[in-house]
Amino acid sequence: MTNFVELDRIAALETLRLVRGAAAAADDGKEIWDRPTPCAGWTLLDLLGHMTAQNHGFAAAARGEGGLPALWRVPDIAADPARAYGESVAALIVPFAEAGGGEREFVLPELGRALPGRVAVSFHFLDLAVHAWDLARTLALEVQLPYSIWESALRLARRVPTDEQTRGPDAFFAPARPTSAQSTPLTETLTLLGRSPHWAREPSDN
């Protein structure tokens, strides 16, 4: 059985590495937090706000507090995005390790239901792995996640429904894009979740 708790931890640490790199660049005077990302309409700061909220929300779900809406709200992280995100990763690791691999239910308000912990963690892992790629592309870097991560992410991405509730402007994912015959697990995961593997910032962007 796939250990999604461990895969999620690896993906979380990669996002943290990328966010700390962004913070170092920001300290050099670059307006990095305003950069556009592969997530349509979101700046880097918006993306980090979403990821921070999801980390805290899933950590709450692992503690049995997922039904509290306040714990899922996007916080104001503008004062210190990297610190806020780092704290959210730290808050996630132990609850997932303690409760994320079994059948204990996690309440997930965005889905309107509870799911076994192992399933909930797999959802968070898929989101986090793809957002690691989003961060890397925004920063013009390569995401450093092992091939096995993307093999697991692809298996999950292939199961994501294609109905209007799941796909669209106000849904969890964009409509899937065509997949090339030469796709890798990474690029196929991206296209299945509506991203272009070739996305890049315009030269005029920050």
C-alpha atoms as a PDB file:
ATOM      1  CA  MET A   1       0.000   0.000   0.000  1.00  0.00           C
ATOM      2  CA  THR A   2       1.283   3.460  -0.916  1.00  0.00           C
ATOM      3  CA  ASN A   3       2.437   5.471   2.096  1.00  0.00           C
ATOM      4  CA  PHE A   4       0.851   8.825   1.286  1.00  0.00           C
ATOM      5  CA  VAL A   5       1.866  10.264   4.645  1.00  0.00           C
ATOM      6  CA  GLU A   6       5.526   9.897   3.693  1.00  0.00           C
ATOM      7  CA  LEU A   7       4.968  11.105   0.129  1.00  0.00           C
ATOM      8  CA  ASP A   8       3.122  14.139   1.489  1.00  0.00           C
ATOM      9  CA  ARG A   9       6.007  14.887   3.864  1.00  0.00           C
ATOM     10  CA  ILE A  10       8.504  14.776   0.987  1.00  0.00           C
ATOM     11  CA  ALA A  11       6.339  17.086  -1.127  1.00  0.00           C
ATOM     12  CA  ALA A  12       5.832  19.458   1.811  1.00  0.00           C
ATOM     13  CA  LEU A  13       9.573  19.757   2.396  1.00  0.00           C
ATOM     14  CA  GLU A  14      10.146  20.489  -1.293  1.00  0.00           C
ATOM     15  CA  THR A  15       7.564  23.286  -1.233  1.00  0.00           C
ATOM     16  CA  LEU A  16       9.253  24.661   1.874  1.00  0.00           C
ATOM     17  CA  ARG A  17      12.636  24.636   0.109  1.00  0.00           C
ATOM     18  CA  LEU A  18      11.167  26.576  -2.794  1.00  0.00           C
ATOM     19  CA  VAL A  19       9.372  29.080  -0.561  1.00  0.00           C
ATOM     20  CA  ARG A  20      12.561  29.764   1.400  1.00  0.00           C
ATOM     21  CA  GLY A  21      14.349  30.357  -1.898  1.00  0.00           C
ATOM     22  CA  ALA A  22      11.662  32.841  -2.865  1.00  0.00           C
ATOM     23  CA  ALA A  23      12.092  34.615   0.468  1.00  0.00           C
ATOM     24  CA  ALA A  24      15.838  34.913  -0.107  1.00  0.00           C
ATOM     25  CA  ALA A  25      15.184  36.451  -3.527  1.00  0.00           C
ATOM     26  CA  ALA A  26      12.645  38.817  -2.016  1.00  0.00           C
ATOM     27  CA  ASP A  27      15.258  39.968   0.489  1.00  0.00           C
ATOM     28  CA  ASP A  28      17.373  41.042  -2.479  1.00  0.00           C
ATOM     29  CA  GLY A  29      14.705  43.573  -3.403  1.00  0.00           C
ATOM     30  CA  LYS A  30      12.768  41.632  -6.033  1.00  0.00           C
ATOM     31  CA  GLU A  31       8.979  41.966  -6.092  1.00  0.00           C
ATOM     32  CA  ILE A  32       8.706  38.211  -6.109  1.00  0.00           C
ATOM     33  CA  TRP A  33       5.442  37.736  -4.210  1.00  0.00           C
ATOM     34  CA  ASP A  34       3.495  39.555  -6.945  1.00  0.00           C
ATOM     35  CA  ARG A  35       4.604  37.175  -9.683  1.00  0.00           C
ATOM     36  CA  PRO A  36       1.864  35.338 -11.599  1.00  0.00           C
ATOM     37  CA  THR A  37       1.713  31.571 -11.186  1.00  0.00           C
ATOM     38  CA  PRO A  38       0.395  28.669 -13.286  1.00  0.00           C
ATOM     39  CA  CYS A  39      -2.762  28.906 -11.115  1.00  0.00           C
ATOM     40  CA  ALA A  40      -4.870  31.296 -13.195  1.00  0.00           C
ATOM     41  CA  GLY A  41      -5.459  34.617 -11.457  1.00  0.00           C
ATOM     42  CA  TRP A  42      -3.190  33.851  -8.506  1.00  0.00           C
ATOM     43  CA  THR A  43       0.029  35.607  -7.617  1.00  0.00           C
ATOM     44  CA  LEU A  44       2.738  33.792  -5.708  1.00  0.00           C
ATOM     45  CA  LEU A  45       1.361  35.349  -2.514  1.00  0.00           C
ATOM     46  CA  ASP A  46      -2.146  34.115  -3.357  1.00  0.00           C
ATOM     47  CA  LEU A  47      -0.841  30.605  -3.991  1.00  0.00           C
ATOM     48  CA  LEU A  48       1.045  30.561  -0.701  1.00  0.00           C
ATOM     49  CA  GLY A  49      -2.024  31.807   1.139  1.00  0.00           C
ATOM     50  CA  HIS A  50      -4.037  28.923  -0.299  1.00  0.00           C
ATOM     51  CA  MET A  51      -1.348  26.375   0.539  1.00  0.00           C
ATOM     52  CA  THR A  52      -0.964  27.743   4.070  1.00  0.00           C
ATOM     53  CA  ALA A  53      -4.721  27.498   4.652  1.00  0.00           C
ATOM     54  CA  GLN A  54      -4.865  23.962   3.278  1.00  0.00           C
ATOM     55  CA  ASN A  55      -1.999  22.833   5.484  1.00  0.00           C
ATOM     56  CA  HIS A  56      -3.655  24.215   8.592  1.00  0.00           C
ATOM     57  CA  GLY A  57      -7.056  22.858   7.561  1.00  0.00           C
ATOM     58  CA  PHE A  58      -5.800  19.345   6.913  1.00  0.00           C
ATOM     59  CA  ALA A  59      -3.802  19.441  10.150  1.00  0.00           C
ATOM     60  CA  ALA A  60      -7.023  20.363  11.949  1.00  0.00           C
ATOM     61  CA  ALA A  61      -8.842  17.506  10.206  1.00  0.00           C
ATOM     62  CA  ALA A  62      -6.154  15.090  11.386  1.00  0.00           C
ATOM     63  CA  ARG A  63      -6.700  16.338  14.943  1.00  0.00           C
ATOM     64  CA  GLY A  64     -10.459  15.811  14.658  1.00  0.00           C
ATOM     65  CA  GLU A  65     -11.219  19.534  14.229  1.00  0.00           C
ATOM     66  CA  GLY A  66     -11.769  19.691  10.474  1.00  0.00           C
ATOM     67  CA  GLY A  67     -15.375  20.769  10.840  1.00  0.00           C
ATOM     68  CA  LEU A  68     -14.379  24.204  12.181  1.00  0.00           C
ATOM     69  CA  PRO A  69     -14.552  26.608   9.178  1.00  0.00           C
ATOM     70  CA  ALA A  70     -12.226  29.173  10.766  1.00  0.00           C
ATOM     71  CA  LEU A  71      -9.365  26.689  10.602  1.00  0.00           C
ATOM     72  CA  TRP A  72      -9.616  26.553   6.789  1.00  0.00           C
ATOM     73  CA  ARG A  73      -9.701  30.295   6.099  1.00  0.00           C
ATOM     74  CA  VAL A  74      -6.905  31.834   4.054  1.00  0.00           C
ATOM     75  CA  PRO A  75      -4.788  33.901   6.472  1.00  0.00           C
ATOM     76  CA  ASP A  76      -3.112  37.226   5.798  1.00  0.00           C
ATOM     77  CA  ILE A  77       0.497  36.151   5.295  1.00  0.00           C
ATOM     78  CA  ALA A  78       1.790  39.269   3.524  1.00  0.00           C
ATOM     79  CA  ALA A  79       4.021  40.386   6.413  1.00  0.00           C
ATOM     80  CA  ASP A  80       6.184  37.270   6.218  1.00  0.00           C
ATOM     81  CA  PRO A  81       4.967  34.707   3.658  1.00  0.00           C
ATOM     82  CA  ALA A  82       7.836  32.265   4.131  1.00  0.00           C
ATOM     83  CA  ARG A  83       7.513  32.184   7.900  1.00  0.00           C
ATOM     84  CA  ALA A  84       3.742  31.719   7.741  1.00  0.00           C
ATOM     85  CA  TYR A  85       4.083  28.904   5.239  1.00  0.00           C
ATOM     86  CA  GLY A  86       6.849  27.237   7.240  1.00  0.00           C
ATOM     87  CA  GLU A  87       4.675  27.271  10.345  1.00  0.00           C
ATOM     88  CA  SER A  88       1.848  25.619   8.405  1.00  0.00           C
ATOM     89  CA  VAL A  89       4.151  22.809   7.251  1.00  0.00           C
ATOM     90  CA  ALA A  90       5.391  22.292  10.812  1.00  0.00           C
ATOM     91  CA  ALA A  91       1.794  22.173  12.049  1.00  0.00           C
ATOM     92  CA  LEU A  92       0.929  19.475   9.499  1.00  0.00           C
ATOM     93  CA  ILE A  93       3.705  16.919   9.876  1.00  0.00           C
ATOM     94  CA  VAL A  94       2.921  15.430  13.308  1.00  0.00           C
ATOM     95  CA  PRO A  95      -0.899  15.152  12.976  1.00  0.00           C
ATOM     96  CA  PHE A  96      -0.511  13.465   9.589  1.00  0.00           C
ATOM     97  CA  ALA A  97       2.100  11.063  10.963  1.00  0.00           C
ATOM     98  CA  GLU A  98      -0.165  10.178  13.890  1.00  0.00           C
ATOM     99  CA  ALA A  99      -3.525   9.890  12.122  1.00  0.00           C
ATOM    100  CA  GLY A 100      -3.044  10.111   8.375  1.00  0.00           C
ATOM    101  CA  GLY A 101      -2.414   6.506   7.477  1.00  0.00           C
ATOM    102  CA  GLY A 102      -5.565   4.845   8.721  1.00  0.00           C
ATOM    103  CA  GLU A 103      -9.342   4.831   8.565  1.00  0.00           C
ATOM    104  CA  ARG A 104     -10.085   7.541  11.140  1.00  0.00           C
ATOM    105  CA  GLU A 105     -12.251  10.087   9.387  1.00  0.00           C
ATOM    106  CA  PHE A 106     -11.050  13.540   8.399  1.00  0.00           C
ATOM    107  CA  VAL A 107     -13.821  16.128   7.995  1.00  0.00           C
ATOM    108  CA  LEU A 108     -13.176  18.143   4.820  1.00  0.00           C
ATOM    109  CA  PRO A 109     -15.655  21.057   4.530  1.00  0.00           C
ATOM    110  CA  GLU A 110     -14.721  21.823   0.919  1.00  0.00           C
ATOM    111  CA  LEU A 111     -16.003  18.387  -0.051  1.00  0.00           C
ATOM    112  CA  GLY A 112     -18.925  18.518   2.342  1.00  0.00           C
ATOM    113  CA  ARG A 113     -18.076  15.151   3.861  1.00  0.00           C
ATOM    114  CA  ALA A 114     -15.616  13.102   5.852  1.00  0.00           C
ATOM    115  CA  LEU A 115     -13.097  10.679   4.371  1.00  0.00           C
ATOM    116  CA  PRO A 116     -10.757   8.070   5.822  1.00  0.00           C
ATOM    117  CA  GLY A 117      -7.452   9.645   6.791  1.00  0.00           C
ATOM    118  CA  ARG A 118      -5.437   7.720   4.198  1.00  0.00           C
ATOM    119  CA  VAL A 119      -7.739   9.028   1.432  1.00  0.00           C
ATOM    120  CA  ALA A 120      -7.711  12.603   2.745  1.00  0.00           C
ATOM    121  CA  VAL A 121      -3.909  12.590   2.910  1.00  0.00           C
ATOM    122  CA  SER A 122      -3.731  11.346  -0.680  1.00  0.00           C
ATOM    123  CA  PHE A 123      -5.836  14.351  -1.753  1.00  0.00           C
ATOM    124  CA  HIS A 124      -3.537  16.728   0.104  1.00  0.00           C
ATOM    125  CA  PHE A 125      -0.463  15.039  -1.352  1.00  0.00           C
ATOM    126  CA  LEU A 126      -1.678  15.431  -4.936  1.00  0.00           C
ATOM    127  CA  ASP A 127      -2.486  19.106  -4.387  1.00  0.00           C
ATOM    128  CA  LEU A 128       0.853  19.731  -2.679  1.00  0.00           C
ATOM    129  CA  ALA A 129       2.949  17.946  -5.292  1.00  0.00           C
ATOM    130  CA  VAL A 130       1.387  19.922  -8.126  1.00  0.00           C
ATOM    131  CA  HIS A 131       1.742  23.163  -6.190  1.00  0.00           C
ATOM    132  CA  ALA A 132       5.436  22.341  -5.755  1.00  0.00           C
ATOM    133  CA  TRP A 133       5.662  22.424  -9.541  1.00  0.00           C
ATOM    134  CA  ASP A 134       3.664  25.681  -9.589  1.00  0.00           C
ATOM    135  CA  LEU A 135       6.140  27.249  -7.184  1.00  0.00           C
ATOM    136  CA  ALA A 136       9.137  26.032  -9.142  1.00  0.00           C
ATOM    137  CA  ARG A 137       7.804  27.352 -12.455  1.00  0.00           C
ATOM    138  CA  THR A 138       6.941  30.696 -10.895  1.00  0.00           C
ATOM    139  CA  LEU A 139      10.530  30.963  -9.650  1.00  0.00           C
ATOM    140  CA  ALA A 140      12.000  29.665 -12.956  1.00  0.00           C
ATOM    141  CA  LEU A 141      13.424  26.636 -11.137  1.00  0.00           C
ATOM    142  CA  GLU A 142      13.140  22.869 -11.489  1.00  0.00           C
ATOM    143  CA  VAL A 143      11.001  21.010  -8.991  1.00  0.00           C
ATOM    144  CA  GLN A 144      13.116  18.447  -7.131  1.00  0.00           C
ATOM    145  CA  LEU A 145      10.803  15.557  -6.414  1.00  0.00           C
ATOM    146  CA  PRO A 146      11.684  11.916  -7.174  1.00  0.00           C
ATOM    147  CA  TYR A 147      10.144  10.015 -10.071  1.00  0.00           C
ATOM    148  CA  SER A 148       8.208   7.837  -7.612  1.00  0.00           C
ATOM    149  CA  ILE A 149       6.365  10.911  -6.339  1.00  0.00           C
ATOM    150  CA  TRP A 150       5.057  11.656  -9.802  1.00  0.00           C
ATOM    151  CA  GLU A 151       4.131   8.022 -10.446  1.00  0.00           C
ATOM    152  CA  SER A 152       1.936   8.131  -7.329  1.00  0.00           C
ATOM    153  CA  ALA A 153       0.570  11.570  -8.212  1.00  0.00           C
ATOM    154  CA  LEU A 154      -0.341  10.352 -11.692  1.00  0.00           C
ATOM    155  CA  ARG A 155      -2.305   7.391 -10.355  1.00  0.00           C
ATOM    156  CA  LEU A 156      -4.341   9.822  -8.253  1.00  0.00           C
ATOM    157  CA  ALA A 157      -4.745  12.379 -11.054  1.00  0.00           C
ATOM    158  CA  ARG A 158      -6.206   9.717 -13.324  1.00  0.00           C
ATOM    159  CA  ARG A 159      -8.998   9.213 -10.780  1.00  0.00           C
ATOM    160  CA  VAL A 160     -10.031  12.879 -10.525  1.00  0.00           C
ATOM    161  CA  PRO A 161     -13.613  13.226 -11.831  1.00  0.00           C
ATOM    162  CA  THR A 162     -14.317  15.302 -14.929  1.00  0.00           C
ATOM    163  CA  ASP A 163     -17.778  16.564 -13.915  1.00  0.00           C
ATOM    164  CA  GLU A 164     -18.642  20.287 -13.769  1.00  0.00           C
ATOM    165  CA  GLN A 165     -18.511  20.309  -9.977  1.00  0.00           C
ATOM    166  CA  THR A 166     -14.872  19.224 -10.075  1.00  0.00           C
ATOM    167  CA  ARG A 167     -13.685  20.999 -13.225  1.00  0.00           C
ATOM    168  CA  GLY A 168     -14.135  24.642 -14.200  1.00  0.00           C
ATOM    169  CA  PRO A 169     -13.440  28.273 -13.203  1.00  0.00           C
ATOM    170  CA  ASP A 170     -14.899  27.934  -9.708  1.00  0.00           C
ATOM    171  CA  ALA A 171     -14.110  24.249  -9.192  1.00  0.00           C
ATOM    172  CA  PHE A 172     -11.153  22.400  -7.705  1.00  0.00           C
ATOM    173  CA  PHE A 173      -9.412  21.786 -11.031  1.00  0.00           C
ATOM    174  CA  ALA A 174      -9.306  23.176 -14.545  1.00  0.00           C
ATOM    175  CA  PRO A 175     -10.471  20.943 -17.403  1.00  0.00           C
ATOM    176  CA  ALA A 176      -7.881  18.384 -18.468  1.00  0.00           C
ATOM    177  CA  ARG A 177      -5.577  19.241 -21.364  1.00  0.00           C
ATOM    178  CA  PRO A 178      -4.509  16.879 -24.161  1.00  0.00           C
ATOM    179  CA  THR A 179      -1.728  14.516 -23.122  1.00  0.00           C
ATOM    180  CA  SER A 180       1.257  13.872 -25.375  1.00  0.00           C
ATOM    181  CA  ALA A 181       2.334  10.342 -26.248  1.00  0.00           C
ATOM    182  CA  GLN A 182       5.778  11.312 -24.931  1.00  0.00           C
ATOM    183  CA  SER A 183       4.424  12.403 -21.544  1.00  0.00           C
ATOM    184  CA  THR A 184       6.239  11.631 -18.313  1.00  0.00           C
ATOM    185  CA  PRO A 185       4.359  10.970 -15.065  1.00  0.00           C
ATOM    186  CA  LEU A 186       4.980  14.629 -14.154  1.00  0.00           C
ATOM    187  CA  THR A 187       3.727  16.120 -17.413  1.00  0.00           C
ATOM    188  CA  GLU A 188       0.728  13.799 -17.619  1.00  0.00           C
ATOM    189  CA  THR A 189      -0.226  14.673 -14.039  1.00  0.00           C
ATOM    190  CA  LEU A 190      -0.067  18.355 -14.964  1.00  0.00           C
ATOM    191  CA  THR A 191      -2.179  18.024 -18.100  1.00  0.00           C
ATOM    192  CA  LEU A 192      -4.768  15.857 -16.371  1.00  0.00           C
ATOM    193  CA  LEU A 193      -5.185  18.626 -13.793  1.00  0.00           C
ATOM    194  CA  GLY A 194      -5.491  21.357 -16.418  1.00  0.00           C
ATOM    195  CA  ARG A 195      -1.972  22.777 -16.472  1.00  0.00           C
ATOM    196  CA  SER A 196       0.388  23.333 -19.363  1.00  0.00           C
ATOM    197  CA  PRO A 197       3.794  21.711 -18.698  1.00  0.00           C
ATOM    198  CA  HIS A 198       5.270  24.513 -20.824  1.00  0.00           C
ATOM    199  CA  TRP A 199       3.898  27.381 -18.728  1.00  0.00           C
ATOM    200  CA  ALA A 200       6.397  30.178 -18.131  1.00  0.00           C
ATOM    201  CA  ARG A 201       6.224  33.752 -16.918  1.00  0.00           C
ATOM    202  CA  GLU A 202       6.240  36.510 -19.494  1.00  0.00           C
ATOM    203  CA  PRO A 203       9.560  38.421 -19.670  1.00  0.00           C
ATOM    204  CA  SER A 204       7.731  41.567 -18.509  1.00  0.00           C
ATOM    205  CA  ASP A 205       6.589  39.910 -15.276  1.00  0.00           C
ATOM    206  CA  ASN A 206       8.488  40.518 -12.032  1.00  0.00           C
END
